[in-house]
PDB file of all heavy atoms in Angstrom:
ATOM      1  N   MET A   1      73.319  32.080 101.891  1.00  0.00           N
ATOM      2  CA  MET A   1      72.756  33.416 101.809  1.00  0.00           C
ATOM      3  C   MET A   1      73.841  34.433 102.161  1.00  0.00           C
ATOM      4  O   MET A   1      74.544  34.294 103.142  1.00  0.00           O
ATOM      5  CB  MET A   1      71.601  33.516 102.796  1.00  0.00           C
ATOM      6  CG  MET A   1      70.995  34.865 102.855  1.00  0.00           C
ATOM      7  SD  MET A   1      69.608  34.831 103.982  1.00  0.00           S
ATOM      8  CE  MET A   1      69.664  36.487 104.535  1.00  0.00           C
ATOM      9  N   SER A   2      73.954  35.453 101.341  1.00  0.00           N
ATOM     10  CA  SER A   2      74.936  36.496 101.593  1.00  0.00           C
ATOM     11  C   SER A   2      74.354  37.507 102.570  1.00  0.00           C
ATOM     12  O   SER A   2      73.359  38.157 102.290  1.00  0.00           O
ATOM     13  CB  SER A   2      75.311  37.198 100.288  1.00  0.00           C
ATOM     14  OG  SER A   2      76.152  38.285 100.556  1.00  0.00           O
ATOM     15  N   ARG A   3      74.969  37.608 103.725  1.00  0.00           N
ATOM     16  CA  ARG A   3      74.481  38.569 104.706  1.00  0.00           C
ATOM     17  C   ARG A   3      75.015  39.959 104.430  1.00  0.00           C
ATOM     18  O   ARG A   3      74.353  40.948 104.700  1.00  0.00           O
ATOM     19  CB  ARG A   3      74.868  38.116 106.101  1.00  0.00           C
ATOM     20  CG  ARG A   3      74.175  36.841 106.474  1.00  0.00           C
ATOM     21  CD  ARG A   3      74.499  36.409 107.846  1.00  0.00           C
ATOM     22  NE  ARG A   3      73.791  35.157 108.094  1.00  0.00           N
ATOM     23  CZ  ARG A   3      74.010  34.403 109.117  1.00  0.00           C
ATOM     24  NH1 ARG A   3      74.924  34.725 110.003  1.00  0.00           N
ATOM     25  NH2 ARG A   3      73.331  33.297 109.280  1.00  0.00           N
ATOM     26  N   ILE A   4      76.228  40.039 103.908  1.00  0.00           N
ATOM     27  CA  ILE A   4      76.802  41.343 103.584  1.00  0.00           C
ATOM     28  C   ILE A   4      76.068  41.947 102.396  1.00  0.00           C
ATOM     29  O   ILE A   4      75.765  43.129 102.366  1.00  0.00           O
ATOM     30  CB  ILE A   4      78.306  41.221 103.301  1.00  0.00           C
ATOM     31  CG1 ILE A   4      79.041  40.815 104.561  1.00  0.00           C
ATOM     32  CG2 ILE A   4      78.871  42.514 102.728  1.00  0.00           C
ATOM     33  CD1 ILE A   4      80.500  40.543 104.371  1.00  0.00           C
ATOM     34  N   GLY A   5      75.767  41.133 101.407  1.00  0.00           N
ATOM     35  CA  GLY A   5      75.101  41.628 100.208  1.00  0.00           C
ATOM     36  C   GLY A   5      73.715  42.167 100.465  1.00  0.00           C
ATOM     37  O   GLY A   5      73.216  43.005  99.720  1.00  0.00           O
ATOM     38  N   GLY A   6      73.065  41.720 101.520  1.00  0.00           N
ATOM     39  CA  GLY A   6      71.711  42.167 101.803  1.00  0.00           C
ATOM     40  C   GLY A   6      71.624  43.489 102.534  1.00  0.00           C
ATOM     41  O   GLY A   6      70.549  44.076 102.629  1.00  0.00           O
ATOM     42  N   LYS A   7      72.741  43.981 103.061  1.00  0.00           N
ATOM     43  CA  LYS A   7      72.717  45.240 103.799  1.00  0.00           C
ATOM     44  C   LYS A   7      72.573  46.420 102.838  1.00  0.00           C
ATOM     45  O   LYS A   7      73.268  46.491 101.832  1.00  0.00           O
ATOM     46  CB  LYS A   7      74.005  45.420 104.599  1.00  0.00           C
ATOM     47  CG  LYS A   7      74.169  44.453 105.728  1.00  0.00           C
ATOM     48  CD  LYS A   7      75.454  44.746 106.473  1.00  0.00           C
ATOM     49  CE  LYS A   7      75.652  43.797 107.621  1.00  0.00           C
ATOM     50  NZ  LYS A   7      76.903  44.077 108.339  1.00  0.00           N
ATOM     51  N   PRO A   8      71.708  47.366 103.150  1.00  0.00           N
ATOM     52  CA  PRO A   8      71.593  48.549 102.285  1.00  0.00           C
ATOM     53  C   PRO A   8      72.787  49.486 102.479  1.00  0.00           C
ATOM     54  O   PRO A   8      73.435  49.489 103.524  1.00  0.00           O
ATOM     55  CB  PRO A   8      70.294  49.211 102.740  1.00  0.00           C
ATOM     56  CG  PRO A   8      70.091  48.719 104.126  1.00  0.00           C
ATOM     57  CD  PRO A   8      70.720  47.365 104.215  1.00  0.00           C
ATOM     58  N   ILE A   9      73.074  50.269 101.465  1.00  0.00           N
ATOM     59  CA  ILE A   9      74.171  51.233 101.496  1.00  0.00           C
ATOM     60  C   ILE A   9      73.559  52.621 101.634  1.00  0.00           C
ATOM     61  O   ILE A   9      72.781  53.041 100.776  1.00  0.00           O
ATOM     62  CB  ILE A   9      75.022  51.147 100.215  1.00  0.00           C
ATOM     63  CG1 ILE A   9      75.587  49.745 100.044  1.00  0.00           C
ATOM     64  CG2 ILE A   9      76.130  52.189 100.238  1.00  0.00           C
ATOM     65  CD1 ILE A   9      76.196  49.511  98.674  1.00  0.00           C
ATOM     66  N   GLU A  10      73.906  53.314 102.694  1.00  0.00           N
ATOM     67  CA  GLU A  10      73.428  54.684 102.894  1.00  0.00           C
ATOM     68  C   GLU A  10      74.197  55.619 101.967  1.00  0.00           C
ATOM     69  O   GLU A  10      75.422  55.580 101.925  1.00  0.00           O
ATOM     70  CB  GLU A  10      73.636  55.119 104.342  1.00  0.00           C
ATOM     71  CG  GLU A  10      72.862  54.308 105.350  1.00  0.00           C
ATOM     72  CD  GLU A  10      71.372  54.575 105.304  1.00  0.00           C
ATOM     73  OE1 GLU A  10      70.973  55.688 104.903  1.00  0.00           O
ATOM     74  OE2 GLU A  10      70.616  53.662 105.672  1.00  0.00           O
ATOM     75  N   VAL A  11      73.481  56.456 101.250  1.00  0.00           N
ATOM     76  CA  VAL A  11      74.110  57.436 100.363  1.00  0.00           C
ATOM     77  C   VAL A  11      74.001  58.798 101.027  1.00  0.00           C
ATOM     78  O   VAL A  11      72.902  59.346 101.157  1.00  0.00           O
ATOM     79  CB  VAL A  11      73.439  57.442  98.978  1.00  0.00           C
ATOM     80  CG1 VAL A  11      74.099  58.461  98.069  1.00  0.00           C
ATOM     81  CG2 VAL A  11      73.489  56.059  98.359  1.00  0.00           C
ATOM     82  N   PRO A  12      75.141  59.372 101.493  1.00  0.00           N
ATOM     83  CA  PRO A  12      75.073  60.678 102.164  1.00  0.00           C
ATOM     84  C   PRO A  12      74.759  61.799 101.173  1.00  0.00           C
ATOM     85  O   PRO A  12      74.878  61.639  99.952  1.00  0.00           O
ATOM     86  CB  PRO A  12      76.474  60.841 102.757  1.00  0.00           C
ATOM     87  CG  PRO A  12      77.343  59.896 102.033  1.00  0.00           C
ATOM     88  CD  PRO A  12      76.481  58.815 101.480  1.00  0.00           C
ATOM     89  N   SER A  13      74.350  62.946 101.705  1.00  0.00           N
ATOM     90  CA  SER A  13      74.060  64.085 100.846  1.00  0.00           C
ATOM     91  C   SER A  13      75.348  64.561 100.184  1.00  0.00           C
ATOM     92  O   SER A  13      76.421  64.514 100.773  1.00  0.00           O
ATOM     93  CB  SER A  13      73.431  65.217 101.659  1.00  0.00           C
ATOM     94  OG  SER A  13      74.332  65.647 102.652  1.00  0.00           O
ATOM     95  N   GLY A  14      75.252  64.976  98.966  1.00  0.00           N
ATOM     96  CA  GLY A  14      76.417  65.417  98.215  1.00  0.00           C
ATOM     97  C   GLY A  14      77.032  64.319  97.374  1.00  0.00           C
ATOM     98  O   GLY A  14      77.960  64.568  96.618  1.00  0.00           O
ATOM     99  N   VAL A  15      76.535  63.100  97.494  1.00  0.00           N
ATOM    100  CA  VAL A  15      77.042  61.973  96.716  1.00  0.00           C
ATOM    101  C   VAL A  15      75.963  61.560  95.729  1.00  0.00           C
ATOM    102  O   VAL A  15      74.805  61.377  96.097  1.00  0.00           O
ATOM    103  CB  VAL A  15      77.417  60.788  97.629  1.00  0.00           C
ATOM    104  CG1 VAL A  15      77.826  59.581  96.804  1.00  0.00           C
ATOM    105  CG2 VAL A  15      78.523  61.174  98.579  1.00  0.00           C
ATOM    106  N   THR A  16      76.344  61.435  94.451  1.00  0.00           N
ATOM    107  CA  THR A  16      75.412  60.986  93.420  1.00  0.00           C
ATOM    108  C   THR A  16      75.878  59.649  92.880  1.00  0.00           C
ATOM    109  O   THR A  16      77.074  59.417  92.696  1.00  0.00           O
ATOM    110  CB  THR A  16      75.315  62.002  92.259  1.00  0.00           C
ATOM    111  OG1 THR A  16      76.607  62.166  91.681  1.00  0.00           O
ATOM    112  CG2 THR A  16      74.802  63.339  92.745  1.00  0.00           C
ATOM    113  N   VAL A  17      74.917  58.770  92.630  1.00  0.00           N
ATOM    114  CA  VAL A  17      75.195  57.442  92.098  1.00  0.00           C
ATOM    115  C   VAL A  17      74.450  57.317  90.786  1.00  0.00           C
ATOM    116  O   VAL A  17      73.227  57.501  90.730  1.00  0.00           O
ATOM    117  CB  VAL A  17      74.750  56.350  93.088  1.00  0.00           C
ATOM    118  CG1 VAL A  17      75.018  54.978  92.510  1.00  0.00           C
ATOM    119  CG2 VAL A  17      75.458  56.514  94.420  1.00  0.00           C
ATOM    120  N   ASP A  18      75.188  57.002  89.715  1.00  0.00           N
ATOM    121  CA  ASP A  18      74.607  56.864  88.385  1.00  0.00           C
ATOM    122  C   ASP A  18      74.909  55.466  87.879  1.00  0.00           C
ATOM    123  O   ASP A  18      76.071  55.119  87.676  1.00  0.00           O
ATOM    124  CB  ASP A  18      75.183  57.934  87.450  1.00  0.00           C
ATOM    125  CG  ASP A  18      74.551  57.898  86.078  1.00  0.00           C
ATOM    126  OD1 ASP A  18      73.353  57.574  85.989  1.00  0.00           O
ATOM    127  OD2 ASP A  18      75.257  58.200  85.093  1.00  0.00           O
ATOM    128  N   ALA A  19      73.864  54.651  87.689  1.00  0.00           N
ATOM    129  CA  ALA A  19      74.042  53.272  87.241  1.00  0.00           C
ATOM    130  C   ALA A  19      73.592  53.143  85.795  1.00  0.00           C
ATOM    131  O   ALA A  19      72.452  53.442  85.463  1.00  0.00           O
ATOM    132  CB  ALA A  19      73.241  52.329  88.124  1.00  0.00           C
ATOM    133  N   LYS A  20      74.511  52.710  84.939  1.00  0.00           N
ATOM    134  CA  LYS A  20      74.203  52.432  83.534  1.00  0.00           C
ATOM    135  C   LYS A  20      74.710  51.032  83.229  1.00  0.00           C
ATOM    136  O   LYS A  20      75.914  50.781  83.268  1.00  0.00           O
ATOM    137  CB  LYS A  20      74.872  53.442  82.618  1.00  0.00           C
ATOM    138  CG  LYS A  20      74.307  54.830  82.737  1.00  0.00           C
ATOM    139  CD  LYS A  20      74.954  55.765  81.759  1.00  0.00           C
ATOM    140  CE  LYS A  20      74.395  57.163  81.941  1.00  0.00           C
ATOM    141  NZ  LYS A  20      75.069  58.140  81.104  1.00  0.00           N
ATOM    142  N   ASP A  21      73.777  50.135  82.955  1.00  0.00           N
ATOM    143  CA  ASP A  21      74.086  48.721  82.704  1.00  0.00           C
ATOM    144  C   ASP A  21      74.889  48.148  83.868  1.00  0.00           C
ATOM    145  O   ASP A  21      74.417  48.108  84.974  1.00  0.00           O
ATOM    146  CB  ASP A  21      74.810  48.556  81.373  1.00  0.00           C
ATOM    147  CG  ASP A  21      73.947  49.000  80.191  1.00  0.00           C
ATOM    148  OD1 ASP A  21      72.717  48.840  80.288  1.00  0.00           O
ATOM    149  OD2 ASP A  21      74.496  49.510  79.207  1.00  0.00           O
ATOM    150  N   ALA A  22      76.125  47.731  83.631  1.00  0.00           N
ATOM    151  CA  ALA A  22      76.940  47.124  84.681  1.00  0.00           C
ATOM    152  C   ALA A  22      77.914  48.121  85.292  1.00  0.00           C
ATOM    153  O   ALA A  22      78.642  47.774  86.211  1.00  0.00           O
ATOM    154  CB  ALA A  22      77.707  45.936  84.129  1.00  0.00           C
ATOM    155  N   ALA A  23      77.944  49.345  84.808  1.00  0.00           N
ATOM    156  CA  ALA A  23      78.883  50.354  85.311  1.00  0.00           C
ATOM    157  C   ALA A  23      78.145  51.315  86.244  1.00  0.00           C
ATOM    158  O   ALA A  23      77.117  51.873  85.883  1.00  0.00           O
ATOM    159  CB  ALA A  23      79.514  51.119  84.169  1.00  0.00           C
ATOM    160  N   VAL A  24      78.685  51.486  87.433  1.00  0.00           N
ATOM    161  CA  VAL A  24      78.112  52.409  88.412  1.00  0.00           C
ATOM    162  C   VAL A  24      79.142  53.497  88.678  1.00  0.00           C
ATOM    163  O   VAL A  24      80.275  53.210  89.064  1.00  0.00           O
ATOM    164  CB  VAL A  24      77.757  51.669  89.722  1.00  0.00           C
ATOM    165  CG1 VAL A  24      77.178  52.646  90.730  1.00  0.00           C
ATOM    166  CG2 VAL A  24      76.797  50.536  89.461  1.00  0.00           C
ATOM    167  N   THR A  25      78.758  54.747  88.450  1.00  0.00           N
ATOM    168  CA  THR A  25      79.633  55.884  88.699  1.00  0.00           C
ATOM    169  C   THR A  25      79.185  56.580  89.975  1.00  0.00           C
ATOM    170  O   THR A  25      78.018  56.919  90.125  1.00  0.00           O
ATOM    171  CB  THR A  25      79.587  56.864  87.511  1.00  0.00           C
ATOM    172  OG1 THR A  25      79.920  56.163  86.318  1.00  0.00           O
ATOM    173  CG2 THR A  25      80.568  58.000  87.716  1.00  0.00           C
ATOM    174  N   VAL A  26      80.140  56.768  90.886  1.00  0.00           N
ATOM    175  CA  VAL A  26      79.856  57.411  92.171  1.00  0.00           C
ATOM    176  C   VAL A  26      80.643  58.715  92.211  1.00  0.00           C
ATOM    177  O   VAL A  26      81.864  58.717  92.071  1.00  0.00           O
ATOM    178  CB  VAL A  26      80.257  56.492  93.348  1.00  0.00           C
ATOM    179  CG1 VAL A  26      79.891  57.140  94.659  1.00  0.00           C
ATOM    180  CG2 VAL A  26      79.615  55.129  93.219  1.00  0.00           C
ATOM    181  N   LYS A  27      79.925  59.847  92.397  1.00  0.00           N
ATOM    182  CA  LYS A  27      80.560  61.164  92.449  1.00  0.00           C
ATOM    183  C   LYS A  27      80.288  61.791  93.802  1.00  0.00           C
ATOM    184  O   LYS A  27      79.189  61.706  94.337  1.00  0.00           O
ATOM    185  CB  LYS A  27      80.010  62.084  91.357  1.00  0.00           C
ATOM    186  CG  LYS A  27      80.317  61.628  89.963  1.00  0.00           C
ATOM    187  CD  LYS A  27      79.740  62.580  88.942  1.00  0.00           C
ATOM    188  CE  LYS A  27      79.974  62.039  87.544  1.00  0.00           C
ATOM    189  NZ  LYS A  27      79.368  62.899  86.529  1.00  0.00           N
ATOM    190  N   GLY A  28      81.321  62.443  94.341  1.00  0.00           N
ATOM    191  CA  GLY A  28      81.184  63.102  95.628  1.00  0.00           C
ATOM    192  C   GLY A  28      82.173  64.236  95.765  1.00  0.00           C
ATOM    193  O   GLY A  28      82.903  64.560  94.830  1.00  0.00           O
ATOM    194  N   PRO A  29      82.251  64.847  96.952  1.00  0.00           N
ATOM    195  CA  PRO A  29      83.151  65.985  97.145  1.00  0.00           C
ATOM    196  C   PRO A  29      84.631  65.614  97.051  1.00  0.00           C
ATOM    197  O   PRO A  29      85.462  66.461  96.754  1.00  0.00           O
ATOM    198  CB  PRO A  29      82.804  66.495  98.539  1.00  0.00           C
ATOM    199  CG  PRO A  29      81.999  65.450  99.189  1.00  0.00           C
ATOM    200  CD  PRO A  29      81.424  64.586  98.122  1.00  0.00           C
ATOM    201  N   LYS A  30      84.996  64.357  97.281  1.00  0.00           N
ATOM    202  CA  LYS A  30      86.404  63.941  97.243  1.00  0.00           C
ATOM    203  C   LYS A  30      86.818  63.375  95.892  1.00  0.00           C
ATOM    204  O   LYS A  30      87.984  63.029  95.714  1.00  0.00           O
ATOM    205  CB  LYS A  30      86.668  62.889  98.317  1.00  0.00           C
ATOM    206  CG  LYS A  30      86.454  63.374  99.711  1.00  0.00           C
ATOM    207  CD  LYS A  30      87.752  63.727 100.333  1.00  0.00           C
ATOM    208  CE  LYS A  30      87.521  64.148 101.775  1.00  0.00           C
ATOM    209  NZ  LYS A  30      88.645  64.771 102.340  1.00  0.00           N
ATOM    210  N   GLY A  31      85.897  63.257  94.941  1.00  0.00           N
ATOM    211  CA  GLY A  31      86.279  62.755  93.625  1.00  0.00           C
ATOM    212  C   GLY A  31      85.202  61.882  93.009  1.00  0.00           C
ATOM    213  O   GLY A  31      84.055  61.856  93.435  1.00  0.00           O
TER     214      GLY A  31
END
């Protein structure tokens, strides 16, 4: 069992996550 894989990822305000198929785009104030 993967213990790291089961942890949720907190998404802070100002960060957007866009998932399309296998590609995940993460946008934030730093890029």
